[in-house]
Amino acid sequence: MGLIYADITLLNSIDYGMSQRGVLPSENVRKKDVRALVDTGAYMLTIDEHLRDDLGLDFESHVDVELADGQQAKCELVGPIKIIFETRTATCSAIVLPGATEVLLGAIPLESMDVIIDPNKQTITLPPDRPFVARTIVK
């Protein structure tokens, strides 16, 4: 089994909200198209400090994290950040891992967007019976 990547767009959610209200021109919404590693072993969205700065994301708090190699680190939590994959969106916070070489798309935003992970084809796709609206279990 190989690695799975997804082409996603990341936006500053505050900018996006201001644009929706007509306060900020849509061309001024800070956004980036990125190729993210789909990582169901990661809990959240993880970005580097350059992407945090490019998107102008606000500091929320510090969080203690355990890295894949078992090391412990204290990282910034920033946001809010809007993720777009095809017809799906999710809004969440992101962990800033200084020097990270890839954006990690973790379990929380993946679940929120209601996508299908196909390890055989090494892709994520939308459920064919609901390509436009995510289903969320609330019970």
N, C-alpha and C. Protein backbone atom coordinates (compact mmCIF):
# COMPACT_ATOMS: atom_id res chain seq x y z
N MET A 1 0.85 -1.17 0.00
CA MET A 1 0.00 0.00 0.00
C MET A 1 0.90 1.24 0.00
N GLY A 2 0.53 2.21 -0.80
CA GLY A 2 1.32 3.43 -0.91
C GLY A 2 0.67 4.58 -0.17
N LEU A 3 1.20 5.75 -0.43
CA LEU A 3 0.69 6.96 0.20
C LEU A 3 -0.46 7.53 -0.62
N ILE A 4 -1.37 8.19 0.08
CA ILE A 4 -2.53 8.80 -0.57
C ILE A 4 -2.42 10.32 -0.41
N TYR A 5 -2.55 11.01 -1.52
CA TYR A 5 -2.50 12.48 -1.52
C TYR A 5 -3.82 13.03 -2.06
N ALA A 6 -4.13 14.24 -1.62
CA ALA A 6 -5.33 14.92 -2.11
C ALA A 6 -4.98 16.37 -2.42
N ASP A 7 -5.51 16.86 -3.52
CA ASP A 7 -5.36 18.27 -3.86
C ASP A 7 -6.50 19.02 -3.19
N ILE A 8 -6.12 19.93 -2.29
CA ILE A 8 -7.10 20.68 -1.52
C ILE A 8 -6.78 22.17 -1.60
N THR A 9 -7.78 22.97 -1.26
CA THR A 9 -7.58 24.42 -1.13
C THR A 9 -7.79 24.78 0.33
N LEU A 10 -6.87 25.58 0.86
CA LEU A 10 -6.97 26.07 2.23
C LEU A 10 -7.22 27.56 2.19
N LEU A 11 -8.19 28.03 2.98
CA LEU A 11 -8.53 29.46 3.02
C LEU A 11 -8.54 29.95 4.46
N ASN A 12 -8.23 31.21 4.63
CA ASN A 12 -8.42 31.86 5.91
C ASN A 12 -9.93 32.02 6.09
N SER A 13 -10.49 31.33 7.07
CA SER A 13 -11.95 31.33 7.27
C SER A 13 -12.51 32.70 7.62
N ILE A 14 -11.74 33.50 8.32
CA ILE A 14 -12.21 34.84 8.68
C ILE A 14 -12.31 35.69 7.42
N ASP A 15 -11.28 35.62 6.57
CA ASP A 15 -11.32 36.33 5.29
C ASP A 15 -12.54 35.88 4.48
N TYR A 16 -12.74 34.56 4.43
CA TYR A 16 -13.85 34.01 3.65
C TYR A 16 -15.20 34.54 4.16
N GLY A 17 -15.37 34.56 5.47
CA GLY A 17 -16.61 35.07 6.05
C GLY A 17 -16.83 36.55 5.74
N MET A 18 -15.75 37.32 5.81
CA MET A 18 -15.85 38.75 5.49
C MET A 18 -16.20 38.94 4.01
N SER A 19 -15.66 38.07 3.16
CA SER A 19 -15.98 38.14 1.73
C SER A 19 -17.45 37.80 1.48
N GLN A 20 -17.96 36.80 2.19
CA GLN A 20 -19.36 36.41 2.04
C GLN A 20 -20.30 37.53 2.47
N ARG A 21 -19.84 38.37 3.40
CA ARG A 21 -20.65 39.50 3.89
C ARG A 21 -20.45 40.76 3.06
N GLY A 22 -19.57 40.70 2.07
CA GLY A 22 -19.31 41.85 1.22
C GLY A 22 -18.35 42.87 1.81
N VAL A 23 -17.68 42.52 2.89
CA VAL A 23 -16.75 43.43 3.56
C VAL A 23 -15.37 43.37 2.92
N LEU A 24 -15.00 42.21 2.37
CA LEU A 24 -13.69 42.00 1.78
C LEU A 24 -13.88 41.46 0.36
N PRO A 25 -13.22 42.05 -0.62
CA PRO A 25 -13.33 41.52 -1.98
C PRO A 25 -12.85 40.07 -2.03
N SER A 26 -13.53 39.24 -2.79
CA SER A 26 -13.20 37.81 -2.84
C SER A 26 -11.76 37.56 -3.27
N GLU A 27 -11.22 38.45 -4.10
CA GLU A 27 -9.83 38.25 -4.54
C GLU A 27 -8.82 38.52 -3.41
N ASN A 28 -9.28 39.09 -2.30
CA ASN A 28 -8.39 39.35 -1.16
C ASN A 28 -8.45 38.25 -0.10
N VAL A 29 -9.26 37.22 -0.33
CA VAL A 29 -9.29 36.09 0.60
C VAL A 29 -7.98 35.34 0.45
N ARG A 30 -7.27 35.18 1.57
CA ARG A 30 -5.99 34.47 1.52
C ARG A 30 -6.26 32.99 1.40
N LYS A 31 -5.69 32.38 0.35
CA LYS A 31 -5.91 30.96 0.11
C LYS A 31 -4.71 30.36 -0.59
N LYS A 32 -4.59 29.04 -0.48
CA LYS A 32 -3.50 28.30 -1.10
C LYS A 32 -4.01 26.95 -1.57
N ASP A 33 -3.62 26.57 -2.77
CA ASP A 33 -3.86 25.22 -3.25
C ASP A 33 -2.65 24.38 -2.85
N VAL A 34 -2.90 23.26 -2.20
CA VAL A 34 -1.82 22.41 -1.73
C VAL A 34 -2.13 20.95 -2.02
N ARG A 35 -1.07 20.17 -2.03
CA ARG A 35 -1.20 18.71 -2.14
C ARG A 35 -0.93 18.18 -0.74
N ALA A 36 -1.94 17.54 -0.14
CA ALA A 36 -1.85 17.10 1.25
C ALA A 36 -1.75 15.58 1.32
N LEU A 37 -0.96 15.11 2.27
CA LEU A 37 -0.90 13.68 2.57
C LEU A 37 -2.11 13.33 3.41
N VAL A 38 -2.90 12.38 2.92
CA VAL A 38 -4.06 11.90 3.66
C VAL A 38 -3.54 10.97 4.75
N ASP A 39 -3.73 11.36 6.00
CA ASP A 39 -3.13 10.63 7.11
C ASP A 39 -4.17 10.36 8.18
N THR A 40 -4.79 9.19 8.12
CA THR A 40 -5.83 8.85 9.09
C THR A 40 -5.23 8.60 10.48
N GLY A 41 -3.91 8.47 10.56
CA GLY A 41 -3.25 8.34 11.85
C GLY A 41 -3.03 9.68 12.52
N ALA A 42 -3.15 10.75 11.75
CA ALA A 42 -3.06 12.11 12.30
C ALA A 42 -4.47 12.54 12.70
N TYR A 43 -4.55 13.30 13.76
CA TYR A 43 -5.83 13.72 14.30
C TYR A 43 -6.41 14.91 13.56
N MET A 44 -5.57 15.88 13.24
CA MET A 44 -6.03 17.15 12.71
C MET A 44 -5.31 17.50 11.42
N LEU A 45 -5.56 18.69 10.94
CA LEU A 45 -4.80 19.26 9.84
C LEU A 45 -3.49 19.76 10.40
N THR A 46 -2.38 19.45 9.73
CA THR A 46 -1.06 19.92 10.15
C THR A 46 -0.42 20.68 9.01
N ILE A 47 0.08 21.88 9.31
CA ILE A 47 0.70 22.74 8.31
C ILE A 47 2.05 23.23 8.84
N ASP A 48 2.83 23.88 7.99
CA ASP A 48 4.08 24.48 8.45
C ASP A 48 3.88 25.97 8.72
N GLU A 49 4.92 26.59 9.25
CA GLU A 49 4.82 28.00 9.62
C GLU A 49 4.69 28.92 8.42
N HIS A 50 5.21 28.52 7.27
CA HIS A 50 5.09 29.36 6.08
C HIS A 50 3.65 29.42 5.58
N LEU A 51 2.98 28.30 5.62
CA LEU A 51 1.57 28.27 5.21
C LEU A 51 0.72 29.05 6.21
N ARG A 52 1.03 28.93 7.51
CA ARG A 52 0.34 29.73 8.53
C ARG A 52 0.46 31.21 8.21
N ASP A 53 1.69 31.65 7.88
CA ASP A 53 1.92 33.06 7.59
C ASP A 53 1.25 33.49 6.29
N ASP A 54 1.35 32.67 5.25
CA ASP A 54 0.73 32.99 3.96
C ASP A 54 -0.79 33.17 4.10
N LEU A 55 -1.41 32.34 4.94
CA LEU A 55 -2.86 32.41 5.12
C LEU A 55 -3.26 33.42 6.19
N GLY A 56 -2.29 33.93 6.95
CA GLY A 56 -2.60 34.91 8.00
C GLY A 56 -3.48 34.34 9.09
N LEU A 57 -3.21 33.10 9.50
CA LEU A 57 -4.06 32.43 10.49
C LEU A 57 -3.75 32.93 11.89
N ASP A 58 -4.79 33.07 12.71
CA ASP A 58 -4.65 33.57 14.07
C ASP A 58 -4.21 32.47 15.03
N PHE A 59 -3.36 32.84 15.98
CA PHE A 59 -2.94 31.94 17.06
C PHE A 59 -4.14 31.68 17.96
N GLU A 60 -4.38 30.40 18.29
CA GLU A 60 -5.45 30.04 19.21
C GLU A 60 -4.90 29.59 20.56
N SER A 61 -3.90 28.70 20.53
CA SER A 61 -3.32 28.19 21.78
C SER A 61 -2.09 27.36 21.44
N HIS A 62 -1.44 26.88 22.47
CA HIS A 62 -0.38 25.90 22.29
C HIS A 62 -0.96 24.53 22.61
N VAL A 63 -0.49 23.50 21.91
CA VAL A 63 -0.93 22.13 22.17
C VAL A 63 0.30 21.24 22.26
N ASP A 64 0.20 20.22 23.10
CA ASP A 64 1.24 19.21 23.19
C ASP A 64 0.88 18.12 22.20
N VAL A 65 1.84 17.74 21.36
CA VAL A 65 1.59 16.72 20.34
C VAL A 65 2.63 15.62 20.44
N GLU A 66 2.24 14.44 19.99
CA GLU A 66 3.19 13.34 19.85
C GLU A 66 3.39 13.11 18.36
N LEU A 67 4.64 13.15 17.94
CA LEU A 67 4.98 12.98 16.53
C LEU A 67 5.04 11.50 16.17
N ALA A 68 5.09 11.22 14.88
CA ALA A 68 5.09 9.84 14.40
C ALA A 68 6.25 9.03 14.96
N ASP A 69 7.36 9.68 15.25
CA ASP A 69 8.52 8.97 15.79
C ASP A 69 8.49 8.86 17.31
N GLY A 70 7.40 9.29 17.93
CA GLY A 70 7.24 9.19 19.37
C GLY A 70 7.71 10.40 20.15
N GLN A 71 8.38 11.34 19.50
CA GLN A 71 8.83 12.56 20.18
C GLN A 71 7.63 13.41 20.59
N GLN A 72 7.83 14.14 21.68
CA GLN A 72 6.82 15.08 22.16
C GLN A 72 7.22 16.49 21.71
N ALA A 73 6.24 17.31 21.39
CA ALA A 73 6.52 18.69 20.99
C ALA A 73 5.37 19.58 21.42
N LYS A 74 5.67 20.86 21.59
CA LYS A 74 4.64 21.88 21.86
C LYS A 74 4.51 22.68 20.58
N CYS A 75 3.31 22.73 20.04
CA CYS A 75 3.07 23.39 18.76
C CYS A 75 1.96 24.42 18.90
N GLU A 76 1.91 25.33 17.95
CA GLU A 76 0.82 26.31 17.89
C GLU A 76 -0.41 25.66 17.26
N LEU A 77 -1.56 26.06 17.76
CA LEU A 77 -2.83 25.74 17.13
C LEU A 77 -3.33 27.06 16.54
N VAL A 78 -3.66 27.06 15.25
CA VAL A 78 -4.07 28.28 14.57
C VAL A 78 -5.38 28.04 13.83
N GLY A 79 -6.01 29.13 13.42
CA GLY A 79 -7.24 28.97 12.66
C GLY A 79 -8.09 30.22 12.74
N PRO A 80 -9.32 30.11 12.37
CA PRO A 80 -9.92 28.96 11.71
C PRO A 80 -9.49 28.89 10.24
N ILE A 81 -9.47 27.67 9.74
CA ILE A 81 -9.05 27.43 8.36
C ILE A 81 -10.13 26.60 7.66
N LYS A 82 -10.46 27.02 6.46
CA LYS A 82 -11.46 26.33 5.66
C LYS A 82 -10.74 25.43 4.65
N ILE A 83 -11.14 24.18 4.58
CA ILE A 83 -10.56 23.20 3.66
C ILE A 83 -11.60 22.91 2.59
N ILE A 84 -11.18 22.92 1.34
CA ILE A 84 -12.07 22.56 0.24
C ILE A 84 -11.47 21.39 -0.51
N PHE A 85 -12.25 20.32 -0.65
CA PHE A 85 -11.91 19.17 -1.49
C PHE A 85 -13.11 18.90 -2.38
N GLU A 86 -12.93 19.10 -3.66
CA GLU A 86 -14.02 18.94 -4.65
C GLU A 86 -15.24 19.73 -4.19
N THR A 87 -16.38 19.05 -3.91
CA THR A 87 -17.59 19.77 -3.50
C THR A 87 -17.74 19.84 -1.98
N ARG A 88 -16.73 19.41 -1.24
CA ARG A 88 -16.83 19.33 0.21
C ARG A 88 -15.97 20.39 0.89
N THR A 89 -16.44 20.80 2.06
CA THR A 89 -15.67 21.75 2.87
C THR A 89 -15.65 21.29 4.32
N ALA A 90 -14.65 21.74 5.01
CA ALA A 90 -14.56 21.54 6.46
C ALA A 90 -13.88 22.77 7.02
N THR A 91 -14.27 23.18 8.21
CA THR A 91 -13.62 24.29 8.87
C THR A 91 -13.07 23.77 10.20
N CYS A 92 -11.80 24.04 10.44
CA CYS A 92 -11.15 23.51 11.64
C CYS A 92 -9.98 24.38 12.03
N SER A 93 -9.30 23.97 13.08
CA SER A 93 -8.03 24.56 13.47
C SER A 93 -6.94 23.71 12.84
N ALA A 94 -5.71 24.23 12.85
CA ALA A 94 -4.58 23.48 12.30
C ALA A 94 -3.42 23.53 13.29
N ILE A 95 -2.69 22.44 13.36
CA ILE A 95 -1.47 22.38 14.14
C ILE A 95 -0.34 22.87 13.25
N VAL A 96 0.49 23.76 13.79
CA VAL A 96 1.65 24.26 13.05
C VAL A 96 2.87 23.45 13.50
N LEU A 97 3.42 22.68 12.59
CA LEU A 97 4.62 21.89 12.87
C LEU A 97 5.77 22.54 12.12
N PRO A 98 6.60 23.33 12.82
CA PRO A 98 7.70 24.03 12.14
C PRO A 98 8.59 23.06 11.36
N GLY A 99 8.89 23.44 10.13
CA GLY A 99 9.74 22.63 9.28
C GLY A 99 9.06 21.44 8.64
N ALA A 100 7.75 21.32 8.82
CA ALA A 100 7.03 20.19 8.21
C ALA A 100 7.23 20.23 6.70
N THR A 101 7.39 19.06 6.11
CA THR A 101 7.62 18.99 4.67
C THR A 101 6.34 18.76 3.88
N GLU A 102 5.26 18.38 4.58
CA GLU A 102 3.99 18.13 3.91
C GLU A 102 2.83 18.61 4.77
N VAL A 103 1.76 18.98 4.12
CA VAL A 103 0.50 19.22 4.81
C VAL A 103 -0.10 17.85 5.10
N LEU A 104 -0.54 17.63 6.33
CA LEU A 104 -1.20 16.37 6.69
C LEU A 104 -2.69 16.64 6.85
N LEU A 105 -3.49 15.89 6.15
CA LEU A 105 -4.95 15.98 6.24
C LEU A 105 -5.41 14.84 7.14
N GLY A 106 -5.72 15.17 8.39
CA GLY A 106 -6.01 14.17 9.41
C GLY A 106 -7.46 13.73 9.47
N ALA A 107 -7.72 12.89 10.46
CA ALA A 107 -9.01 12.22 10.60
C ALA A 107 -10.19 13.17 10.82
N ILE A 108 -9.99 14.23 11.60
CA ILE A 108 -11.10 15.14 11.90
C ILE A 108 -11.64 15.81 10.64
N PRO A 109 -10.80 16.49 9.83
CA PRO A 109 -11.37 17.09 8.61
C PRO A 109 -11.83 16.05 7.60
N LEU A 110 -11.16 14.90 7.54
CA LEU A 110 -11.60 13.84 6.61
C LEU A 110 -13.00 13.37 6.95
N GLU A 111 -13.24 13.14 8.24
CA GLU A 111 -14.56 12.70 8.70
C GLU A 111 -15.60 13.78 8.44
N SER A 112 -15.24 15.03 8.68
CA SER A 112 -16.16 16.14 8.48
C SER A 112 -16.58 16.27 7.01
N MET A 113 -15.65 15.97 6.10
CA MET A 113 -15.96 16.08 4.67
C MET A 113 -16.64 14.83 4.11
N ASP A 114 -16.72 13.75 4.91
CA ASP A 114 -17.42 12.53 4.49
C ASP A 114 -16.86 12.00 3.17
N VAL A 115 -15.58 11.69 3.18
CA VAL A 115 -14.93 11.17 1.98
C VAL A 115 -14.66 9.67 2.13
N ILE A 116 -14.41 9.04 1.01
CA ILE A 116 -14.05 7.63 0.98
C ILE A 116 -12.56 7.53 0.67
N ILE A 117 -11.85 6.79 1.50
CA ILE A 117 -10.43 6.56 1.28
C ILE A 117 -10.29 5.20 0.63
N ASP A 118 -9.67 5.16 -0.54
CA ASP A 118 -9.46 3.91 -1.26
C ASP A 118 -7.97 3.59 -1.30
N PRO A 119 -7.50 2.74 -0.38
CA PRO A 119 -6.07 2.44 -0.34
C PRO A 119 -5.57 1.70 -1.57
N ASN A 120 -6.44 0.93 -2.23
CA ASN A 120 -6.01 0.21 -3.43
C ASN A 120 -5.72 1.15 -4.59
N LYS A 121 -6.58 2.16 -4.75
CA LYS A 121 -6.38 3.13 -5.84
C LYS A 121 -5.54 4.32 -5.38
N GLN A 122 -5.25 4.38 -4.08
CA GLN A 122 -4.49 5.48 -3.48
C GLN A 122 -5.14 6.84 -3.77
N THR A 123 -6.44 6.90 -3.49
CA THR A 123 -7.20 8.13 -3.72
C THR A 123 -8.21 8.35 -2.60
N ILE A 124 -8.70 9.57 -2.52
CA ILE A 124 -9.92 9.82 -1.76
C ILE A 124 -10.95 10.31 -2.76
N THR A 125 -12.18 9.91 -2.55
CA THR A 125 -13.27 10.27 -3.44
C THR A 125 -14.50 10.60 -2.60
N LEU A 126 -15.52 11.06 -3.29
CA LEU A 126 -16.79 11.35 -2.64
C LEU A 126 -17.71 10.14 -2.78
N PRO A 127 -18.56 9.88 -1.80
CA PRO A 127 -19.51 8.78 -1.92
C PRO A 127 -20.42 9.00 -3.13
N PRO A 128 -20.56 8.01 -4.00
CA PRO A 128 -21.36 8.21 -5.21
C PRO A 128 -22.84 8.51 -4.94
N ASP A 129 -23.36 8.06 -3.79
CA ASP A 129 -24.77 8.31 -3.50
C ASP A 129 -25.01 9.68 -2.87
N ARG A 130 -23.95 10.41 -2.56
CA ARG A 130 -24.09 11.75 -1.99
C ARG A 130 -22.89 12.63 -2.37
N PRO A 131 -22.75 12.92 -3.65
CA PRO A 131 -21.58 13.67 -4.11
C PRO A 131 -21.58 15.15 -3.73
N PHE A 132 -22.72 15.70 -3.33
CA PHE A 132 -22.79 17.13 -3.08
C PHE A 132 -23.01 17.50 -1.62
N VAL A 133 -23.50 16.58 -0.81
CA VAL A 133 -23.80 16.88 0.59
C VAL A 133 -23.17 15.82 1.47
N ALA A 134 -22.38 16.26 2.44
CA ALA A 134 -21.76 15.33 3.39
C ALA A 134 -22.80 14.81 4.36
N ARG A 135 -22.61 13.56 4.76
CA ARG A 135 -23.47 12.98 5.77
C ARG A 135 -22.68 12.93 7.07
N THR A 136 -23.32 13.36 8.15
CA THR A 136 -22.69 13.36 9.46
C THR A 136 -23.58 12.59 10.42
N ILE A 137 -22.97 11.70 11.18
CA ILE A 137 -23.73 10.95 12.19
C ILE A 137 -23.73 11.79 13.46
N VAL A 138 -24.92 12.06 14.00
CA VAL A 138 -25.04 12.92 15.17
C VAL A 138 -25.64 12.21 16.38
N LYS A 139 -25.77 10.92 16.31
CA LYS A 139 -26.36 10.22 17.47
C LYS A 139 -25.31 9.70 18.40
